[in-house]
Amino acid sequence: MINIMLKFVAQELTPGFTNGEITIESGMAIRELISYYADKNSLSVPSENQYKLMYPLFNGKPAGLDSVLEKDGTLHICRVSIGGC
């Protein structure tokens, strides 16, 4: 099990999602984590168009939505934009 601190910077892409810590199984991809969080909190899973606009940062470094999380850390979900988050 690993602990991930979630920071939802792009609230328009993840309405209702709140910042906080979540414990998950090691080996979960970022996209799976977002869906898991939505299901666990009875929120709508983001659409494919919303996912396309997400720019994840894990421990301050760019990550892909299919990047696998294997250690504790901080995950920022930002919006793709010129100039970054």
PDB file of N, CA and C in Angstrom:
ATOM      1  N   MET A   1       0.851  -1.182   0.000  1.00  0.00           N
ATOM      2  CA  MET A   1       0.000   0.000   0.000  1.00  0.00           C
ATOM      3  C   MET A   1       0.896   1.244   0.000  1.00  0.00           C
ATOM      4  N   ILE A   2       0.437   2.266  -0.719  1.00  0.00           N
ATOM      5  CA  ILE A   2       1.166   3.530  -0.760  1.00  0.00           C
ATOM      6  C   ILE A   2       0.205   4.674  -0.466  1.00  0.00           C
ATOM      7  N   ASN A   3       0.756   5.784   0.003  1.00  0.00           N
ATOM      8  CA  ASN A   3      -0.029   6.978   0.316  1.00  0.00           C
ATOM      9  C   ASN A   3       0.263   8.056  -0.714  1.00  0.00           C
ATOM     10  N   ILE A   4      -0.790   8.588  -1.303  1.00  0.00           N
ATOM     11  CA  ILE A   4      -0.673   9.638  -2.309  1.00  0.00           C
ATOM     12  C   ILE A   4      -1.419  10.872  -1.817  1.00  0.00           C
ATOM     13  N   MET A   5      -0.710  12.005  -1.778  1.00  0.00           N
ATOM     14  CA  MET A   5      -1.346  13.290  -1.474  1.00  0.00           C
ATOM     15  C   MET A   5      -1.855  13.842  -2.807  1.00  0.00           C
ATOM     16  N   LEU A   6      -3.155  14.025  -2.911  1.00  0.00           N
ATOM     17  CA  LEU A   6      -3.780  14.511  -4.139  1.00  0.00           C
ATOM     18  C   LEU A   6      -3.986  16.017  -4.076  1.00  0.00           C
ATOM     19  N   LYS A   7      -3.631  16.692  -5.168  1.00  0.00           N
ATOM     20  CA  LYS A   7      -3.842  18.137  -5.307  1.00  0.00           C
ATOM     21  C   LYS A   7      -4.521  18.364  -6.656  1.00  0.00           C
ATOM     22  N   PHE A   8      -5.791  18.702  -6.628  1.00  0.00           N
ATOM     23  CA  PHE A   8      -6.557  18.929  -7.849  1.00  0.00           C
ATOM     24  C   PHE A   8      -6.516  20.409  -8.191  1.00  0.00           C
ATOM     25  N   VAL A   9      -5.554  20.795  -9.011  1.00  0.00           N
ATOM     26  CA  VAL A   9      -5.345  22.195  -9.383  1.00  0.00           C
ATOM     27  C   VAL A   9      -6.386  22.632 -10.414  1.00  0.00           C
ATOM     28  N   ALA A  10      -6.741  21.731 -11.325  1.00  0.00           N
ATOM     29  CA  ALA A  10      -7.674  22.048 -12.413  1.00  0.00           C
ATOM     30  C   ALA A  10      -9.088  21.627 -12.021  1.00  0.00           C
ATOM     31  N   GLN A  11      -9.703  22.395 -11.147  1.00  0.00           N
ATOM     32  CA  GLN A  11     -11.027  22.042 -10.629  1.00  0.00           C
ATOM     33  C   GLN A  11     -12.089  21.933 -11.721  1.00  0.00           C
ATOM     34  N   GLU A  12     -11.915  22.638 -12.826  1.00  0.00           N
ATOM     35  CA  GLU A  12     -12.907  22.544 -13.902  1.00  0.00           C
ATOM     36  C   GLU A  12     -12.872  21.172 -14.575  1.00  0.00           C
ATOM     37  N   LEU A  13     -11.761  20.446 -14.446  1.00  0.00           N
ATOM     38  CA  LEU A  13     -11.650  19.100 -15.012  1.00  0.00           C
ATOM     39  C   LEU A  13     -12.084  18.023 -14.028  1.00  0.00           C
ATOM     40  N   THR A  14     -12.085  18.367 -12.750  1.00  0.00           N
ATOM     41  CA  THR A  14     -12.409  17.394 -11.703  1.00  0.00           C
ATOM     42  C   THR A  14     -13.377  18.015 -10.690  1.00  0.00           C
ATOM     43  N   PRO A  15     -14.578  18.404 -11.137  1.00  0.00           N
ATOM     44  CA  PRO A  15     -15.519  19.048 -10.218  1.00  0.00           C
ATOM     45  C   PRO A  15     -15.904  18.131  -9.057  1.00  0.00           C
ATOM     46  N   GLY A  16     -15.855  18.675  -7.855  1.00  0.00           N
ATOM     47  CA  GLY A  16     -16.217  17.927  -6.658  1.00  0.00           C
ATOM     48  C   GLY A  16     -15.056  17.186  -6.023  1.00  0.00           C
ATOM     49  N   PHE A  17     -13.947  17.041  -6.732  1.00  0.00           N
ATOM     50  CA  PHE A  17     -12.767  16.370  -6.187  1.00  0.00           C
ATOM     51  C   PHE A  17     -12.084  17.319  -5.202  1.00  0.00           C
ATOM     52  N   THR A  18     -11.695  16.803  -4.045  1.00  0.00           N
ATOM     53  CA  THR A  18     -11.037  17.640  -3.046  1.00  0.00           C
ATOM     54  C   THR A  18      -9.631  17.129  -2.760  1.00  0.00           C
ATOM     55  N   ASN A  19      -8.766  18.048  -2.408  1.00  0.00           N
ATOM     56  CA  ASN A  19      -7.393  17.704  -2.061  1.00  0.00           C
ATOM     57  C   ASN A  19      -7.374  16.856  -0.797  1.00  0.00           C
ATOM     58  N   GLY A  20      -6.411  15.968  -0.724  1.00  0.00           N
ATOM     59  CA  GLY A  20      -6.273  15.139   0.461  1.00  0.00           C
ATOM     60  C   GLY A  20      -5.438  13.911   0.176  1.00  0.00           C
ATOM     61  N   GLU A  21      -5.278  13.084   1.183  1.00  0.00           N
ATOM     62  CA  GLU A  21      -4.452  11.891   1.047  1.00  0.00           C
ATOM     63  C   GLU A  21      -5.327  10.660   0.800  1.00  0.00           C
ATOM     64  N   ILE A  22      -4.813   9.759  -0.024  1.00  0.00           N
ATOM     65  CA  ILE A  22      -5.510   8.511  -0.319  1.00  0.00           C
ATOM     66  C   ILE A  22      -4.495   7.374  -0.264  1.00  0.00           C
ATOM     67  N   THR A  23      -4.912   6.239   0.236  1.00  0.00           N
ATOM     68  CA  THR A  23      -4.071   5.050   0.279  1.00  0.00           C
ATOM     69  C   THR A  23      -4.558   4.093  -0.799  1.00  0.00           C
ATOM     70  N   ILE A  24      -3.629   3.662  -1.648  1.00  0.00           N
ATOM     71  CA  ILE A  24      -3.973   2.774  -2.762  1.00  0.00           C
ATOM     72  C   ILE A  24      -2.968   1.626  -2.835  1.00  0.00           C
ATOM     73  N   GLU A  25      -3.303   0.644  -3.656  1.00  0.00           N
ATOM     74  CA  GLU A  25      -2.386  -0.449  -3.945  1.00  0.00           C
ATOM     75  C   GLU A  25      -1.262   0.076  -4.831  1.00  0.00           C
ATOM     76  N   SER A  26      -0.047  -0.321  -4.572  1.00  0.00           N
ATOM     77  CA  SER A  26       1.075  -0.006  -5.445  1.00  0.00           C
ATOM     78  C   SER A  26       0.803  -0.598  -6.822  1.00  0.00           C
ATOM     79  N   GLY A  27       1.189   0.119  -7.883  1.00  0.00           N
ATOM     80  CA  GLY A  27       1.005  -0.377  -9.242  1.00  0.00           C
ATOM     81  C   GLY A  27      -0.203   0.182  -9.960  1.00  0.00           C
ATOM     82  N   MET A  28      -0.941   1.083  -9.322  1.00  0.00           N
ATOM     83  CA  MET A  28      -2.113   1.696  -9.948  1.00  0.00           C
ATOM     84  C   MET A  28      -1.638   2.858 -10.834  1.00  0.00           C
ATOM     85  N   ALA A  29      -2.186   2.947 -12.047  1.00  0.00           N
ATOM     86  CA  ALA A  29      -1.874   4.061 -12.941  1.00  0.00           C
ATOM     87  C   ALA A  29      -2.634   5.311 -12.488  1.00  0.00           C
ATOM     88  N   ILE A  30      -2.129   6.468 -12.867  1.00  0.00           N
ATOM     89  CA  ILE A  30      -2.755   7.737 -12.473  1.00  0.00           C
ATOM     90  C   ILE A  30      -4.201   7.800 -12.957  1.00  0.00           C
ATOM     91  N   ARG A  31      -4.463   7.398 -14.177  1.00  0.00           N
ATOM     92  CA  ARG A  31      -5.842   7.402 -14.713  1.00  0.00           C
ATOM     93  C   ARG A  31      -6.740   6.506 -13.849  1.00  0.00           C
ATOM     94  N   GLU A  32      -6.229   5.342 -13.457  1.00  0.00           N
ATOM     95  CA  GLU A  32      -6.994   4.421 -12.606  1.00  0.00           C
ATOM     96  C   GLU A  32      -7.246   5.043 -11.237  1.00  0.00           C
ATOM     97  N   LEU A  33      -6.259   5.755 -10.712  1.00  0.00           N
ATOM     98  CA  LEU A  33      -6.419   6.416  -9.415  1.00  0.00           C
ATOM     99  C   LEU A  33      -7.534   7.459  -9.476  1.00  0.00           C
ATOM    100  N   ILE A  34      -7.569   8.244 -10.534  1.00  0.00           N
ATOM    101  CA  ILE A  34      -8.618   9.267 -10.676  1.00  0.00           C
ATOM    102  C   ILE A  34      -9.997   8.606 -10.736  1.00  0.00           C
ATOM    103  N   SER A  35     -10.128   7.533 -11.503  1.00  0.00           N
ATOM    104  CA  SER A  35     -11.404   6.807 -11.592  1.00  0.00           C
ATOM    105  C   SER A  35     -11.777   6.178 -10.249  1.00  0.00           C
ATOM    106  N   TYR A  36     -10.785   5.600  -9.581  1.00  0.00           N
ATOM    107  CA  TYR A  36     -11.004   4.991  -8.267  1.00  0.00           C
ATOM    108  C   TYR A  36     -11.487   6.050  -7.276  1.00  0.00           C
ATOM    109  N   TYR A  37     -10.849   7.219  -7.267  1.00  0.00           N
ATOM    110  CA  TYR A  37     -11.235   8.316  -6.377  1.00  0.00           C
ATOM    111  C   TYR A  37     -12.679   8.728  -6.663  1.00  0.00           C
ATOM    112  N   ALA A  38     -13.013   8.869  -7.949  1.00  0.00           N
ATOM    113  CA  ALA A  38     -14.374   9.273  -8.330  1.00  0.00           C
ATOM    114  C   ALA A  38     -15.393   8.252  -7.836  1.00  0.00           C
ATOM    115  N   ASP A  39     -15.136   6.976  -8.094  1.00  0.00           N
ATOM    116  CA  ASP A  39     -16.062   5.924  -7.663  1.00  0.00           C
ATOM    117  C   ASP A  39     -16.212   5.898  -6.144  1.00  0.00           C
ATOM    118  N   LYS A  40     -15.093   5.995  -5.447  1.00  0.00           N
ATOM    119  CA  LYS A  40     -15.088   5.928  -3.985  1.00  0.00           C
ATOM    120  C   LYS A  40     -15.881   7.077  -3.356  1.00  0.00           C
ATOM    121  N   ASN A  41     -15.901   8.233  -4.030  1.00  0.00           N
ATOM    122  CA  ASN A  41     -16.557   9.419  -3.497  1.00  0.00           C
ATOM    123  C   ASN A  41     -17.861   9.764  -4.218  1.00  0.00           C
ATOM    124  N   SER A  42     -18.397   8.805  -4.972  1.00  0.00           N
ATOM    125  CA  SER A  42     -19.661   8.987  -5.704  1.00  0.00           C
ATOM    126  C   SER A  42     -19.651  10.227  -6.593  1.00  0.00           C
ATOM    127  N   LEU A  43     -18.530  10.416  -7.310  1.00  0.00           N
ATOM    128  CA  LEU A  43     -18.391  11.539  -8.234  1.00  0.00           C
ATOM    129  C   LEU A  43     -18.372  11.006  -9.662  1.00  0.00           C
ATOM    130  N   SER A  44     -18.593  11.882 -10.614  1.00  0.00           N
ATOM    131  CA  SER A  44     -18.531  11.482 -12.018  1.00  0.00           C
ATOM    132  C   SER A  44     -17.081  11.255 -12.420  1.00  0.00           C
ATOM    133  N   VAL A  45     -16.853  10.135 -13.097  1.00  0.00           N
ATOM    134  CA  VAL A  45     -15.522   9.866 -13.644  1.00  0.00           C
ATOM    135  C   VAL A  45     -15.311  10.856 -14.786  1.00  0.00           C
ATOM    136  N   PRO A  46     -14.136  11.499 -14.859  1.00  0.00           N
ATOM    137  CA  PRO A  46     -13.900  12.457 -15.942  1.00  0.00           C
ATOM    138  C   PRO A  46     -14.089  11.810 -17.322  1.00  0.00           C
ATOM    139  N   SER A  47     -14.545  12.625 -18.260  1.00  0.00           N
ATOM    140  CA  SER A  47     -14.719  12.160 -19.638  1.00  0.00           C
ATOM    141  C   SER A  47     -13.355  12.069 -20.312  1.00  0.00           C
ATOM    142  N   GLU A  48     -13.326  11.417 -21.455  1.00  0.00           N
ATOM    143  CA  GLU A  48     -12.065  11.306 -22.200  1.00  0.00           C
ATOM    144  C   GLU A  48     -11.549  12.694 -22.577  1.00  0.00           C
ATOM    145  N   ASN A  49     -12.462  13.632 -22.910  1.00  0.00           N
ATOM    146  CA  ASN A  49     -12.038  14.999 -23.227  1.00  0.00           C
ATOM    147  C   ASN A  49     -11.397  15.682 -22.018  1.00  0.00           C
ATOM    148  N   GLN A  50     -11.927  15.430 -20.826  1.00  0.00           N
ATOM    149  CA  GLN A  50     -11.328  15.997 -19.613  1.00  0.00           C
ATOM    150  C   GLN A  50      -9.942  15.383 -19.372  1.00  0.00           C
ATOM    151  N   TYR A  51      -9.825  14.070 -19.557  1.00  0.00           N
ATOM    152  CA  TYR A  51      -8.519  13.421 -19.377  1.00  0.00           C
ATOM    153  C   TYR A  51      -7.481  14.009 -20.330  1.00  0.00           C
ATOM    154  N   LYS A  52      -7.893  14.308 -21.560  1.00  0.00           N
ATOM    155  CA  LYS A  52      -6.953  14.863 -22.550  1.00  0.00           C
ATOM    156  C   LYS A  52      -6.382  16.205 -22.113  1.00  0.00           C
ATOM    157  N   LEU A  53      -7.107  16.916 -21.261  1.00  0.00           N
ATOM    158  CA  LEU A  53      -6.664  18.235 -20.806  1.00  0.00           C
ATOM    159  C   LEU A  53      -5.888  18.189 -19.486  1.00  0.00           C
ATOM    160  N   MET A  54      -5.750  16.992 -18.905  1.00  0.00           N
ATOM    161  CA  MET A  54      -5.036  16.859 -17.623  1.00  0.00           C
ATOM    162  C   MET A  54      -3.534  16.747 -17.831  1.00  0.00           C
ATOM    163  N   TYR A  55      -2.802  17.402 -16.953  1.00  0.00           N
ATOM    164  CA  TYR A  55      -1.339  17.353 -16.962  1.00  0.00           C
ATOM    165  C   TYR A  55      -0.899  16.951 -15.557  1.00  0.00           C
ATOM    166  N   PRO A  56      -0.631  15.664 -15.340  1.00  0.00           N
ATOM    167  CA  PRO A  56      -0.243  15.210 -14.003  1.00  0.00           C
ATOM    168  C   PRO A  56       1.226  15.501 -13.695  1.00  0.00           C
ATOM    169  N   LEU A  57       1.476  15.863 -12.455  1.00  0.00           N
ATOM    170  CA  LEU A  57       2.833  16.003 -11.924  1.00  0.00           C
ATOM    171  C   LEU A  57       2.928  15.097 -10.712  1.00  0.00           C
ATOM    172  N   PHE A  58       3.921  14.212 -10.693  1.00  0.00           N
ATOM    173  CA  PHE A  58       4.130  13.351  -9.535  1.00  0.00           C
ATOM    174  C   PHE A  58       5.455  13.729  -8.894  1.00  0.00           C
ATOM    175  N   ASN A  59       5.372  14.135  -7.638  1.00  0.00           N
ATOM    176  CA  ASN A  59       6.542  14.632  -6.906  1.00  0.00           C
ATOM    177  C   ASN A  59       7.267  15.724  -7.687  1.00  0.00           C
ATOM    178  N   GLY A  60       6.466  16.605  -8.319  1.00  0.00           N
ATOM    179  CA  GLY A  60       7.007  17.765  -9.020  1.00  0.00           C
ATOM    180  C   GLY A  60       7.514  17.506 -10.418  1.00  0.00           C
ATOM    181  N   LYS A  61       7.379  16.271 -10.910  1.00  0.00           N
ATOM    182  CA  LYS A  61       7.876  15.938 -12.247  1.00  0.00           C
ATOM    183  C   LYS A  61       6.728  15.508 -13.142  1.00  0.00           C
ATOM    184  N   PRO A  62       6.781  15.884 -14.436  1.00  0.00           N
ATOM    185  CA  PRO A  62       5.719  15.477 -15.361  1.00  0.00           C
ATOM    186  C   PRO A  62       5.535  13.968 -15.385  1.00  0.00           C
ATOM    187  N   ALA A  63       4.287  13.567 -15.460  1.00  0.00           N
ATOM    188  CA  ALA A  63       3.931  12.143 -15.525  1.00  0.00           C
ATOM    189  C   ALA A  63       2.795  11.994 -16.525  1.00  0.00           C
ATOM    190  N   GLY A  64       2.645  10.823 -17.063  1.00  0.00           N
ATOM    191  CA  GLY A  64       1.536  10.545 -17.968  1.00  0.00           C
ATOM    192  C   GLY A  64       0.374   9.944 -17.196  1.00  0.00           C
ATOM    193  N   LEU A  65      -0.794   9.992 -17.778  1.00  0.00           N
ATOM    194  CA  LEU A  65      -1.966   9.394 -17.129  1.00  0.00           C
ATOM    195  C   LEU A  65      -1.817   7.889 -16.958  1.00  0.00           C
ATOM    196  N   ASP A  66      -0.968   7.274 -17.778  1.00  0.00           N
ATOM    197  CA  ASP A  66      -0.744   5.831 -17.671  1.00  0.00           C
ATOM    198  C   ASP A  66       0.488   5.498 -16.836  1.00  0.00           C
ATOM    199  N   SER A  67       1.113   6.524 -16.236  1.00  0.00           N
ATOM    200  CA  SER A  67       2.252   6.282 -15.346  1.00  0.00           C
ATOM    201  C   SER A  67       1.777   5.507 -14.125  1.00  0.00           C
ATOM    202  N   VAL A  68       2.564   4.521 -13.733  1.00  0.00           N
ATOM    203  CA  VAL A  68       2.229   3.657 -12.604  1.00  0.00           C
ATOM    204  C   VAL A  68       2.831   4.226 -11.330  1.00  0.00           C
ATOM    205  N   LEU A  69       2.021   4.277 -10.281  1.00  0.00           N
ATOM    206  CA  LEU A  69       2.465   4.790  -8.986  1.00  0.00           C
ATOM    207  C   LEU A  69       2.948   3.626  -8.131  1.00  0.00           C
ATOM    208  N   GLU A  70       4.210   3.707  -7.711  1.00  0.00           N
ATOM    209  CA  GLU A  70       4.799   2.612  -6.943  1.00  0.00           C
ATOM    210  C   GLU A  70       5.386   3.051  -5.610  1.00  0.00           C
ATOM    211  N   LYS A  71       5.302   4.353  -5.312  1.00  0.00           N
ATOM    212  CA  LYS A  71       5.834   4.844  -4.038  1.00  0.00           C
ATOM    213  C   LYS A  71       4.989   6.016  -3.559  1.00  0.00           C
ATOM    214  N   ASP A  72       5.115   6.316  -2.269  1.00  0.00           N
ATOM    215  CA  ASP A  72       4.404   7.459  -1.691  1.00  0.00           C
ATOM    216  C   ASP A  72       4.820   8.731  -2.427  1.00  0.00           C
ATOM    217  N   GLY A  73       3.900   9.693  -2.480  1.00  0.00           N
ATOM    218  CA  GLY A  73       4.247  10.956  -3.109  1.00  0.00           C
ATOM    219  C   GLY A  73       3.059  11.884  -3.213  1.00  0.00           C
ATOM    220  N   THR A  74       3.295  12.990  -3.919  1.00  0.00           N
ATOM    221  CA  THR A  74       2.270  14.006  -4.145  1.00  0.00           C
ATOM    222  C   THR A  74       1.941  14.045  -5.626  1.00  0.00           C
ATOM    223  N   LEU A  75       0.659  13.973  -5.931  1.00  0.00           N
ATOM    224  CA  LEU A  75       0.180  14.009  -7.309  1.00  0.00           C
ATOM    225  C   LEU A  75      -0.644  15.270  -7.508  1.00  0.00           C
ATOM    226  N   HIS A  76      -0.179  16.132  -8.405  1.00  0.00           N
ATOM    227  CA  HIS A  76      -0.936  17.324  -8.818  1.00  0.00           C
ATOM    228  C   HIS A  76      -1.606  17.010 -10.145  1.00  0.00           C
ATOM    229  N   ILE A  77      -2.891  17.308 -10.236  1.00  0.00           N
ATOM    230  CA  ILE A  77      -3.599  17.203 -11.506  1.00  0.00           C
ATOM    231  C   ILE A  77      -3.834  18.633 -11.986  1.00  0.00           C
ATOM    232  N   CYS A  78      -3.015  19.014 -12.957  1.00  0.00           N
ATOM    233  CA  CYS A  78      -3.081  20.366 -13.528  1.00  0.00           C
ATOM    234  C   CYS A  78      -3.779  20.312 -14.880  1.00  0.00           C
ATOM    235  N   ARG A  79      -3.948  21.471 -15.466  1.00  0.00           N
ATOM    236  CA  ARG A  79      -4.566  21.583 -16.790  1.00  0.00           C
ATOM    237  C   ARG A  79      -3.453  21.851 -17.786  1.00  0.00           C
ATOM    238  N   VAL A  80      -3.543  21.201 -18.948  1.00  0.00           N
ATOM    239  CA  VAL A  80      -2.595  21.473 -20.015  1.00  0.00           C
ATOM    240  C   VAL A  80      -2.779  22.925 -20.430  1.00  0.00           C
ATOM    241  N   SER A  81      -1.708  23.680 -20.401  1.00  0.00           N
ATOM    242  CA  SER A  81      -1.767  25.077 -20.832  1.00  0.00           C
ATOM    243  C   SER A  81      -0.362  25.561 -21.129  1.00  0.00           C
ATOM    244  N   ILE A  82      -0.273  26.614 -21.847  1.00  0.00           N
ATOM    245  CA  ILE A  82       1.031  27.205 -22.109  1.00  0.00           C
ATOM    246  C   ILE A  82       1.541  27.780 -20.796  1.00  0.00           C
ATOM    247  N   GLY A  83       2.739  27.438 -20.426  1.00  0.00           N
ATOM    248  CA  GLY A  83       3.316  27.928 -19.185  1.00  0.00           C
ATOM    249  C   GLY A  83       3.144  26.970 -18.019  1.00  0.00           C
ATOM    250  N   GLY A  84       2.475  25.830 -18.219  1.00  0.00           N
ATOM    251  CA  GLY A  84       2.341  24.825 -17.157  1.00  0.00           C
ATOM    252  C   GLY A  84       1.224  25.128 -16.196  1.00  0.00           C
ATOM    253  N   CYS A  85       1.308  24.566 -15.019  1.00  0.00           N
ATOM    254  CA  CYS A  85       0.270  24.694 -13.983  1.00  0.00           C
ATOM    255  C   CYS A  85       0.335  26.028 -13.303  1.00  0.00           C
TER     256      CYS A  85
END
